[in-house]
Amino acid sequence: MKICKLALIAVILPAIPLFLSHCGIYSFQGTATNARTITIAEFYNNTELAPPTIGQVFTNRLKDYMIQNTNLSVVAENGELQLEGIITGYQLTQVAPVAGADPARGDLAASTRFTITVKVTYVNTLDPTMSFKERSFSFFKDFSNDLSFADVEESLTRQIMDQLILDIFNASVANW
């Protein structure tokens, strides 16, 4: 009896990924869609503080992510899936107040929070119920006030963009 259960498990267990990927629930390429193409319009920078190239950099990184992590082809227009957006926030906020800080010296906080926010519209032409309009995605990283923002800006921007791209992917193509 034990041998029969083990044999049954040995046959069924390997078949589960095949079943799941063919019934449209989830594909192991990370997508939950039958779409083959995606159009990603350039994200525009609608902030005063961000570098002027941030929209183009974000768009290119988002396209690269889709190419590397899905079977979707990125097309210039009329993709079955469509993403577009605006970078709406690029801000620094003082956090972690310091006890006994001297307001005259301007050292009221031990760290600064760097936040980037994007507003995204996603259109799924194959299943419009999966679409969303102007959904906001935001992520931040804190850094010590002992460091200059200019010294950490590029690294933190890259880390924040990575998380934003993952969040956008999960909300749209992966449908999580």
N, C-alpha and C. Protein backbone atom coordinates (compact mmCIF):
# COMPACT_ATOMS: atom_id res chain seq x y z
N MET A 1 0.83 -1.20 0.00
CA MET A 1 0.00 0.00 0.00
C MET A 1 0.87 1.26 0.00
N LYS A 2 1.94 1.24 0.80
CA LYS A 2 2.84 2.38 0.86
C LYS A 2 3.53 2.60 -0.48
N ILE A 3 3.90 1.53 -1.15
CA ILE A 3 4.57 1.61 -2.44
C ILE A 3 3.62 2.21 -3.48
N CYS A 4 2.35 1.86 -3.45
CA CYS A 4 1.37 2.41 -4.39
C CYS A 4 1.23 3.92 -4.20
N LYS A 5 1.19 4.39 -2.94
CA LYS A 5 1.08 5.83 -2.67
C LYS A 5 2.31 6.56 -3.18
N LEU A 6 3.48 5.99 -2.94
CA LEU A 6 4.72 6.61 -3.41
C LEU A 6 4.77 6.66 -4.93
N ALA A 7 4.33 5.59 -5.58
CA ALA A 7 4.32 5.57 -7.04
C ALA A 7 3.34 6.61 -7.59
N LEU A 8 2.19 6.74 -6.95
CA LEU A 8 1.20 7.72 -7.36
C LEU A 8 1.74 9.15 -7.20
N ILE A 9 2.40 9.42 -6.08
CA ILE A 9 2.99 10.72 -5.85
C ILE A 9 4.08 11.00 -6.88
N ALA A 10 4.89 9.98 -7.19
CA ALA A 10 5.97 10.14 -8.16
C ALA A 10 5.44 10.48 -9.55
N VAL A 11 4.24 10.04 -9.87
CA VAL A 11 3.65 10.32 -11.18
C VAL A 11 2.94 11.67 -11.18
N ILE A 12 2.22 11.98 -10.12
CA ILE A 12 1.41 13.19 -10.07
C ILE A 12 2.24 14.45 -9.83
N LEU A 13 3.19 14.38 -8.92
CA LEU A 13 3.98 15.56 -8.55
C LEU A 13 4.67 16.22 -9.74
N PRO A 14 5.36 15.48 -10.60
CA PRO A 14 5.99 16.15 -11.75
C PRO A 14 4.98 16.73 -12.76
N ALA A 15 3.77 16.23 -12.75
CA ALA A 15 2.76 16.70 -13.71
C ALA A 15 2.10 18.01 -13.27
N ILE A 16 2.20 18.39 -12.01
CA ILE A 16 1.53 19.59 -11.52
C ILE A 16 2.00 20.85 -12.24
N PRO A 17 3.32 21.11 -12.39
CA PRO A 17 3.72 22.32 -13.13
C PRO A 17 3.20 22.34 -14.57
N LEU A 18 3.20 21.20 -15.22
CA LEU A 18 2.70 21.11 -16.59
C LEU A 18 1.21 21.46 -16.63
N PHE A 19 0.44 20.93 -15.69
CA PHE A 19 -0.98 21.21 -15.61
C PHE A 19 -1.24 22.70 -15.37
N LEU A 20 -0.53 23.27 -14.39
CA LEU A 20 -0.75 24.67 -14.06
C LEU A 20 -0.39 25.60 -15.21
N SER A 21 0.68 25.31 -15.91
CA SER A 21 1.10 26.20 -16.99
C SER A 21 0.20 26.08 -18.21
N HIS A 22 -0.48 24.95 -18.40
CA HIS A 22 -1.34 24.79 -19.56
C HIS A 22 -2.78 25.16 -19.32
N CYS A 23 -3.17 25.31 -18.06
CA CYS A 23 -4.57 25.67 -17.83
C CYS A 23 -4.74 27.17 -17.66
N GLY A 24 -3.68 27.94 -17.87
CA GLY A 24 -3.79 29.39 -17.86
C GLY A 24 -3.75 30.03 -16.49
N ILE A 25 -3.56 29.24 -15.45
CA ILE A 25 -3.51 29.81 -14.11
C ILE A 25 -2.21 30.58 -13.91
N TYR A 26 -1.12 29.96 -14.24
CA TYR A 26 0.18 30.59 -14.02
C TYR A 26 1.20 29.96 -14.93
N SER A 27 2.05 30.77 -15.49
CA SER A 27 3.12 30.22 -16.30
C SER A 27 4.42 30.44 -15.55
N PHE A 28 5.34 29.52 -15.69
CA PHE A 28 6.58 29.63 -14.94
C PHE A 28 7.54 30.63 -15.56
N GLN A 29 7.09 31.40 -16.52
CA GLN A 29 7.85 32.53 -17.01
C GLN A 29 7.48 33.77 -16.21
N GLY A 30 6.61 33.64 -15.23
CA GLY A 30 6.28 34.75 -14.36
C GLY A 30 5.04 35.52 -14.77
N THR A 31 4.34 35.09 -15.80
CA THR A 31 3.17 35.82 -16.24
C THR A 31 1.91 35.00 -16.06
N ALA A 32 0.81 35.69 -15.90
CA ALA A 32 -0.49 35.03 -15.78
C ALA A 32 -1.38 35.51 -16.92
N THR A 33 -0.83 35.53 -18.12
CA THR A 33 -1.56 36.03 -19.27
C THR A 33 -1.22 35.19 -20.49
N ASN A 34 -2.11 35.21 -21.46
CA ASN A 34 -1.85 34.54 -22.73
C ASN A 34 -1.34 35.53 -23.77
N ALA A 35 -1.11 36.75 -23.36
CA ALA A 35 -0.64 37.78 -24.30
C ALA A 35 0.76 37.44 -24.80
N ARG A 36 1.04 37.93 -25.99
CA ARG A 36 2.36 37.72 -26.59
C ARG A 36 3.15 39.01 -26.76
N THR A 37 2.45 40.15 -26.70
CA THR A 37 3.12 41.43 -26.94
C THR A 37 2.77 42.44 -25.84
N ILE A 38 3.71 43.34 -25.62
CA ILE A 38 3.48 44.43 -24.66
C ILE A 38 4.08 45.71 -25.24
N THR A 39 3.35 46.79 -25.08
CA THR A 39 3.83 48.11 -25.46
C THR A 39 4.07 48.89 -24.17
N ILE A 40 5.25 49.47 -24.07
CA ILE A 40 5.59 50.28 -22.90
C ILE A 40 5.94 51.68 -23.39
N ALA A 41 5.01 52.60 -23.16
CA ALA A 41 5.24 53.99 -23.56
C ALA A 41 6.24 54.62 -22.60
N GLU A 42 6.94 55.63 -23.09
CA GLU A 42 7.95 56.28 -22.24
C GLU A 42 7.30 56.96 -21.04
N PHE A 43 7.84 56.69 -19.86
CA PHE A 43 7.37 57.33 -18.64
C PHE A 43 7.92 58.76 -18.63
N TYR A 44 7.04 59.71 -18.31
CA TYR A 44 7.45 61.10 -18.30
C TYR A 44 7.79 61.55 -16.88
N ASN A 45 8.73 62.45 -16.80
CA ASN A 45 9.15 63.01 -15.53
C ASN A 45 8.29 64.23 -15.23
N ASN A 46 7.47 64.13 -14.20
CA ASN A 46 6.60 65.24 -13.82
C ASN A 46 7.02 65.77 -12.44
N THR A 47 8.34 65.78 -12.19
CA THR A 47 8.86 66.28 -10.92
C THR A 47 9.86 67.39 -11.19
N GLU A 48 10.12 68.16 -10.18
CA GLU A 48 11.08 69.25 -10.32
C GLU A 48 12.49 68.82 -9.93
N LEU A 49 12.62 67.85 -9.04
CA LEU A 49 13.92 67.51 -8.49
C LEU A 49 14.64 66.37 -9.21
N ALA A 50 13.91 65.54 -9.92
CA ALA A 50 14.51 64.37 -10.55
C ALA A 50 15.41 64.76 -11.73
N PRO A 51 16.42 63.94 -11.99
CA PRO A 51 17.25 64.19 -13.17
C PRO A 51 16.39 64.15 -14.44
N PRO A 52 16.72 64.93 -15.44
CA PRO A 52 15.87 65.00 -16.64
C PRO A 52 15.74 63.68 -17.39
N THR A 53 16.69 62.78 -17.23
CA THR A 53 16.66 61.50 -17.96
C THR A 53 15.95 60.38 -17.20
N ILE A 54 15.40 60.67 -16.03
CA ILE A 54 14.85 59.60 -15.20
C ILE A 54 13.72 58.84 -15.89
N GLY A 55 12.87 59.52 -16.65
CA GLY A 55 11.78 58.84 -17.35
C GLY A 55 12.28 57.84 -18.36
N GLN A 56 13.26 58.25 -19.15
CA GLN A 56 13.83 57.36 -20.16
C GLN A 56 14.55 56.19 -19.50
N VAL A 57 15.29 56.44 -18.44
CA VAL A 57 16.01 55.37 -17.74
C VAL A 57 15.01 54.36 -17.17
N PHE A 58 13.95 54.87 -16.52
CA PHE A 58 12.94 53.99 -15.94
C PHE A 58 12.26 53.15 -17.02
N THR A 59 11.88 53.78 -18.11
CA THR A 59 11.22 53.07 -19.21
C THR A 59 12.11 51.95 -19.75
N ASN A 60 13.38 52.26 -19.99
CA ASN A 60 14.30 51.25 -20.52
C ASN A 60 14.51 50.10 -19.55
N ARG A 61 14.59 50.40 -18.28
CA ARG A 61 14.77 49.33 -17.28
C ARG A 61 13.51 48.47 -17.19
N LEU A 62 12.33 49.08 -17.31
CA LEU A 62 11.08 48.33 -17.30
C LEU A 62 10.99 47.41 -18.53
N LYS A 63 11.36 47.91 -19.68
CA LYS A 63 11.37 47.09 -20.90
C LYS A 63 12.35 45.93 -20.75
N ASP A 64 13.54 46.21 -20.25
CA ASP A 64 14.54 45.16 -20.05
C ASP A 64 14.02 44.08 -19.12
N TYR A 65 13.34 44.50 -18.05
CA TYR A 65 12.79 43.54 -17.09
C TYR A 65 11.76 42.62 -17.78
N MET A 66 10.89 43.21 -18.57
CA MET A 66 9.86 42.42 -19.25
C MET A 66 10.49 41.44 -20.25
N ILE A 67 11.51 41.89 -20.95
CA ILE A 67 12.18 41.02 -21.92
C ILE A 67 12.88 39.86 -21.21
N GLN A 68 13.54 40.14 -20.10
CA GLN A 68 14.31 39.13 -19.40
C GLN A 68 13.47 38.17 -18.58
N ASN A 69 12.29 38.60 -18.14
CA ASN A 69 11.51 37.79 -17.20
C ASN A 69 10.17 37.29 -17.72
N THR A 70 9.89 37.54 -18.99
CA THR A 70 8.65 37.03 -19.57
C THR A 70 8.94 36.55 -20.99
N ASN A 71 7.94 35.95 -21.60
CA ASN A 71 8.02 35.57 -23.01
C ASN A 71 7.38 36.63 -23.90
N LEU A 72 7.06 37.78 -23.33
CA LEU A 72 6.42 38.85 -24.09
C LEU A 72 7.43 39.54 -24.99
N SER A 73 6.96 39.92 -26.16
CA SER A 73 7.76 40.74 -27.07
C SER A 73 7.36 42.19 -26.87
N VAL A 74 8.34 43.05 -26.67
CA VAL A 74 8.07 44.47 -26.53
C VAL A 74 7.93 45.06 -27.93
N VAL A 75 6.76 45.66 -28.19
CA VAL A 75 6.48 46.25 -29.51
C VAL A 75 6.22 47.74 -29.33
N ALA A 76 6.47 48.51 -30.38
CA ALA A 76 6.37 49.97 -30.31
C ALA A 76 4.94 50.46 -30.08
N GLU A 77 3.95 49.76 -30.63
CA GLU A 77 2.56 50.20 -30.45
C GLU A 77 1.60 49.04 -30.62
N ASN A 78 0.39 49.22 -30.08
CA ASN A 78 -0.70 48.26 -30.20
C ASN A 78 -0.39 46.88 -29.63
N GLY A 79 0.36 46.82 -28.53
CA GLY A 79 0.60 45.55 -27.86
C GLY A 79 -0.68 45.04 -27.21
N GLU A 80 -0.76 43.74 -27.01
CA GLU A 80 -1.94 43.18 -26.34
C GLU A 80 -2.00 43.68 -24.89
N LEU A 81 -0.83 43.95 -24.32
CA LEU A 81 -0.72 44.57 -23.01
C LEU A 81 -0.06 45.93 -23.22
N GLN A 82 -0.49 46.93 -22.45
CA GLN A 82 0.07 48.28 -22.63
C GLN A 82 0.31 48.92 -21.27
N LEU A 83 1.50 49.47 -21.13
CA LEU A 83 1.87 50.18 -19.90
C LEU A 83 2.31 51.59 -20.25
N GLU A 84 1.87 52.55 -19.46
CA GLU A 84 2.35 53.92 -19.60
C GLU A 84 2.29 54.57 -18.23
N GLY A 85 3.07 55.62 -18.05
CA GLY A 85 3.04 56.24 -16.74
C GLY A 85 3.80 57.53 -16.65
N ILE A 86 3.77 58.08 -15.44
CA ILE A 86 4.40 59.35 -15.13
C ILE A 86 5.15 59.20 -13.81
N ILE A 87 6.33 59.75 -13.75
CA ILE A 87 7.05 59.82 -12.48
C ILE A 87 6.54 61.06 -11.78
N THR A 88 5.84 60.85 -10.67
CA THR A 88 5.15 61.96 -10.00
C THR A 88 5.84 62.42 -8.73
N GLY A 89 6.77 61.63 -8.22
CA GLY A 89 7.43 62.02 -6.98
C GLY A 89 8.89 61.64 -6.97
N TYR A 90 9.70 62.55 -6.46
CA TYR A 90 11.14 62.34 -6.30
C TYR A 90 11.52 63.25 -5.15
N GLN A 91 11.43 62.72 -3.93
CA GLN A 91 11.54 63.61 -2.79
C GLN A 91 12.42 63.07 -1.68
N LEU A 92 12.93 64.00 -0.89
CA LEU A 92 13.74 63.71 0.28
C LEU A 92 12.98 64.21 1.51
N THR A 93 12.92 63.35 2.55
CA THR A 93 12.23 63.69 3.78
C THR A 93 13.12 63.32 4.95
N GLN A 94 13.24 64.21 5.90
CA GLN A 94 14.02 63.91 7.09
C GLN A 94 13.26 62.92 7.97
N VAL A 95 13.95 61.88 8.44
CA VAL A 95 13.36 60.89 9.33
C VAL A 95 14.32 60.61 10.47
N ALA A 96 13.91 59.84 11.44
CA ALA A 96 14.72 59.44 12.59
C ALA A 96 15.24 60.66 13.36
N PRO A 97 14.36 61.36 14.07
CA PRO A 97 14.79 62.54 14.84
C PRO A 97 15.89 62.18 15.85
N VAL A 98 16.76 63.13 16.07
CA VAL A 98 17.88 62.94 17.00
C VAL A 98 17.55 63.66 18.31
N ALA A 99 17.67 62.94 19.42
CA ALA A 99 17.42 63.55 20.72
C ALA A 99 18.49 64.61 21.00
N GLY A 100 18.06 65.75 21.45
CA GLY A 100 19.00 66.81 21.82
C GLY A 100 19.64 67.50 20.62
N ALA A 101 19.04 67.35 19.45
CA ALA A 101 19.61 67.98 18.25
C ALA A 101 19.50 69.49 18.35
N ASP A 102 20.42 70.16 17.73
CA ASP A 102 20.46 71.62 17.73
C ASP A 102 19.82 72.14 16.44
N PRO A 103 18.61 72.73 16.53
CA PRO A 103 17.94 73.23 15.32
C PRO A 103 18.76 74.27 14.56
N ALA A 104 19.61 75.00 15.27
CA ALA A 104 20.43 76.01 14.62
C ALA A 104 21.44 75.38 13.67
N ARG A 105 21.86 74.15 13.95
CA ARG A 105 22.84 73.47 13.09
C ARG A 105 22.16 72.68 11.97
N GLY A 106 20.84 72.50 12.08
CA GLY A 106 20.12 71.78 11.03
C GLY A 106 20.28 70.27 11.10
N ASP A 107 20.70 69.72 12.23
CA ASP A 107 20.89 68.27 12.34
C ASP A 107 19.78 67.65 13.19
N LEU A 108 18.55 67.90 12.80
CA LEU A 108 17.40 67.40 13.56
C LEU A 108 17.12 65.93 13.32
N ALA A 109 17.68 65.34 12.27
CA ALA A 109 17.41 63.94 11.94
C ALA A 109 18.70 63.20 11.66
N ALA A 110 18.68 61.91 11.96
CA ALA A 110 19.86 61.07 11.73
C ALA A 110 19.87 60.51 10.32
N SER A 111 18.71 60.47 9.69
CA SER A 111 18.67 59.92 8.34
C SER A 111 17.63 60.64 7.48
N THR A 112 17.75 60.38 6.19
CA THR A 112 16.85 60.99 5.21
C THR A 112 16.20 59.87 4.40
N ARG A 113 14.94 60.05 4.10
CA ARG A 113 14.20 59.08 3.28
C ARG A 113 14.09 59.62 1.87
N PHE A 114 14.53 58.80 0.92
CA PHE A 114 14.46 59.15 -0.50
C PHE A 114 13.33 58.31 -1.12
N THR A 115 12.33 58.97 -1.68
CA THR A 115 11.15 58.30 -2.20
C THR A 115 10.94 58.65 -3.67
N ILE A 116 10.62 57.63 -4.46
CA ILE A 116 10.23 57.83 -5.85
C ILE A 116 8.81 57.26 -6.00
N THR A 117 7.94 58.02 -6.67
CA THR A 117 6.57 57.60 -6.90
C THR A 117 6.28 57.66 -8.39
N VAL A 118 5.61 56.62 -8.90
CA VAL A 118 5.17 56.61 -10.30
C VAL A 118 3.68 56.31 -10.35
N LYS A 119 3.02 56.87 -11.33
CA LYS A 119 1.59 56.61 -11.56
C LYS A 119 1.50 55.85 -12.88
N VAL A 120 0.86 54.69 -12.85
CA VAL A 120 0.87 53.78 -13.99
C VAL A 120 -0.54 53.45 -14.46
N THR A 121 -0.69 53.40 -15.78
CA THR A 121 -1.91 52.90 -16.39
C THR A 121 -1.56 51.63 -17.15
N TYR A 122 -2.34 50.57 -16.90
CA TYR A 122 -2.11 49.26 -17.53
C TYR A 122 -3.38 48.86 -18.26
N VAL A 123 -3.22 48.51 -19.54
CA VAL A 123 -4.36 48.06 -20.34
C VAL A 123 -4.07 46.65 -20.82
N ASN A 124 -4.99 45.75 -20.50
CA ASN A 124 -4.92 44.37 -20.96
C ASN A 124 -6.05 44.21 -21.98
N THR A 125 -5.71 44.20 -23.26
CA THR A 125 -6.74 44.15 -24.30
C THR A 125 -7.41 42.78 -24.37
N LEU A 126 -6.77 41.75 -23.83
CA LEU A 126 -7.34 40.40 -23.85
C LEU A 126 -8.31 40.19 -22.70
N ASP A 127 -8.09 40.87 -21.59
CA ASP A 127 -8.96 40.77 -20.42
C ASP A 127 -9.03 42.13 -19.74
N PRO A 128 -9.93 43.00 -20.21
CA PRO A 128 -10.02 44.37 -19.68
C PRO A 128 -10.26 44.45 -18.18
N THR A 129 -10.79 43.40 -17.56
CA THR A 129 -11.01 43.43 -16.12
C THR A 129 -9.69 43.47 -15.34
N MET A 130 -8.60 43.13 -15.98
CA MET A 130 -7.29 43.14 -15.34
C MET A 130 -6.61 44.51 -15.45
N SER A 131 -7.17 45.40 -16.24
CA SER A 131 -6.58 46.72 -16.46
C SER A 131 -6.75 47.61 -15.24
N PHE A 132 -5.88 48.62 -15.12
CA PHE A 132 -6.05 49.64 -14.09
C PHE A 132 -5.55 50.97 -14.64
N LYS A 133 -6.10 52.06 -14.05
CA LYS A 133 -5.77 53.40 -14.55
C LYS A 133 -5.17 54.24 -13.42
N GLU A 134 -4.05 54.87 -13.72
CA GLU A 134 -3.38 55.81 -12.83
C GLU A 134 -3.19 55.26 -11.41
N ARG A 135 -2.72 54.04 -11.33
CA ARG A 135 -2.41 53.43 -10.04
C ARG A 135 -1.04 53.91 -9.59
N SER A 136 -0.96 54.32 -8.34
CA SER A 136 0.28 54.88 -7.81
C SER A 136 1.14 53.79 -7.17
N PHE A 137 2.44 53.82 -7.49
CA PHE A 137 3.43 52.92 -6.90
C PHE A 137 4.52 53.78 -6.31
N SER A 138 4.92 53.47 -5.09
CA SER A 138 5.92 54.27 -4.41
C SER A 138 6.84 53.37 -3.61
N PHE A 139 8.11 53.74 -3.55
CA PHE A 139 9.06 53.00 -2.73
C PHE A 139 10.13 53.96 -2.25
N PHE A 140 10.72 53.65 -1.10
CA PHE A 140 11.73 54.54 -0.54
C PHE A 140 12.92 53.76 0.01
N LYS A 141 13.99 54.48 0.20
CA LYS A 141 15.20 53.98 0.86
C LYS A 141 15.67 55.09 1.79
N ASP A 142 16.10 54.69 2.99
CA ASP A 142 16.66 55.64 3.93
C ASP A 142 18.18 55.61 3.85
N PHE A 143 18.79 56.75 4.09
CA PHE A 143 20.25 56.82 4.14
C PHE A 143 20.67 57.77 5.26
N SER A 144 21.84 57.55 5.77
CA SER A 144 22.36 58.33 6.89
C SER A 144 22.66 59.76 6.45
N ASN A 145 22.38 60.70 7.35
CA ASN A 145 22.69 62.10 7.05
C ASN A 145 24.18 62.37 7.09
N ASP A 146 24.97 61.38 7.47
CA ASP A 146 26.42 61.50 7.39
C ASP A 146 26.88 61.44 5.93
N LEU A 147 25.99 60.95 5.05
CA LEU A 147 26.31 60.82 3.63
C LEU A 147 25.68 61.95 2.83
N SER A 148 26.33 62.31 1.76
CA SER A 148 25.78 63.30 0.85
C SER A 148 24.80 62.61 -0.10
N PHE A 149 23.67 63.24 -0.36
CA PHE A 149 22.70 62.66 -1.29
C PHE A 149 23.34 62.43 -2.66
N ALA A 150 24.17 63.34 -3.10
CA ALA A 150 24.84 63.20 -4.40
C ALA A 150 25.67 61.92 -4.46
N ASP A 151 26.23 61.50 -3.32
CA ASP A 151 27.06 60.29 -3.28
C ASP A 151 26.23 59.01 -3.35
N VAL A 152 24.99 59.04 -2.89
CA VAL A 152 24.17 57.83 -2.83
C VAL A 152 23.00 57.84 -3.81
N GLU A 153 22.77 58.95 -4.47
CA GLU A 153 21.58 59.11 -5.33
C GLU A 153 21.49 58.03 -6.40
N GLU A 154 22.56 57.79 -7.14
CA GLU A 154 22.51 56.82 -8.23
C GLU A 154 22.21 55.40 -7.73
N SER A 155 22.88 55.00 -6.69
CA SER A 155 22.68 53.66 -6.13
C SER A 155 21.26 53.49 -5.58
N LEU A 156 20.81 54.48 -4.82
CA LEU A 156 19.46 54.39 -4.25
C LEU A 156 18.39 54.45 -5.33
N THR A 157 18.60 55.27 -6.34
CA THR A 157 17.64 55.35 -7.45
C THR A 157 17.51 53.99 -8.12
N ARG A 158 18.63 53.32 -8.36
CA ARG A 158 18.61 52.01 -8.99
C ARG A 158 17.84 51.00 -8.12
N GLN A 159 18.10 51.01 -6.81
CA GLN A 159 17.42 50.08 -5.90
C GLN A 159 15.91 50.35 -5.85
N ILE A 160 15.55 51.61 -5.78
CA ILE A 160 14.13 51.96 -5.74
C ILE A 160 13.45 51.59 -7.05
N MET A 161 14.10 51.87 -8.18
CA MET A 161 13.53 51.51 -9.48
C MET A 161 13.33 50.00 -9.58
N ASP A 162 14.28 49.22 -9.10
CA ASP A 162 14.14 47.76 -9.14
C ASP A 162 12.87 47.32 -8.42
N GLN A 163 12.61 47.89 -7.25
CA GLN A 163 11.42 47.51 -6.50
C GLN A 163 10.15 48.01 -7.18
N LEU A 164 10.17 49.23 -7.70
CA LEU A 164 9.00 49.75 -8.41
C LEU A 164 8.66 48.89 -9.62
N ILE A 165 9.67 48.50 -10.36
CA ILE A 165 9.47 47.67 -11.55
C ILE A 165 8.87 46.32 -11.15
N LEU A 166 9.38 45.73 -10.08
CA LEU A 166 8.84 44.46 -9.59
C LEU A 166 7.38 44.63 -9.17
N ASP A 167 7.08 45.71 -8.47
CA ASP A 167 5.70 45.96 -8.04
C ASP A 167 4.77 46.16 -9.23
N ILE A 168 5.22 46.91 -10.23
CA ILE A 168 4.41 47.12 -11.44
C ILE A 168 4.20 45.81 -12.18
N PHE A 169 5.26 45.03 -12.32
CA PHE A 169 5.16 43.71 -12.96
C PHE A 169 4.14 42.84 -12.24
N ASN A 170 4.25 42.77 -10.91
CA ASN A 170 3.33 41.92 -10.13
C ASN A 170 1.89 42.38 -10.24
N ALA A 171 1.66 43.68 -10.29
CA ALA A 171 0.30 44.21 -10.37
C ALA A 171 -0.31 44.07 -11.76
N SER A 172 0.53 44.01 -12.77
CA SER A 172 0.02 43.99 -14.15
C SER A 172 0.17 42.63 -14.77
N VAL A 173 1.31 42.34 -15.32
CA VAL A 173 1.54 41.12 -16.09
C VAL A 173 1.40 39.85 -15.25
N ALA A 174 1.93 39.86 -14.03
CA ALA A 174 1.86 38.67 -13.18
C ALA A 174 0.51 38.55 -12.49
N ASN A 175 -0.24 39.67 -12.40
CA ASN A 175 -1.56 39.70 -11.80
C ASN A 175 -1.55 39.16 -10.37
N TRP A 176 -0.66 39.67 -9.55
CA TRP A 176 -0.61 39.26 -8.15
C TRP A 176 -1.24 40.28 -7.29
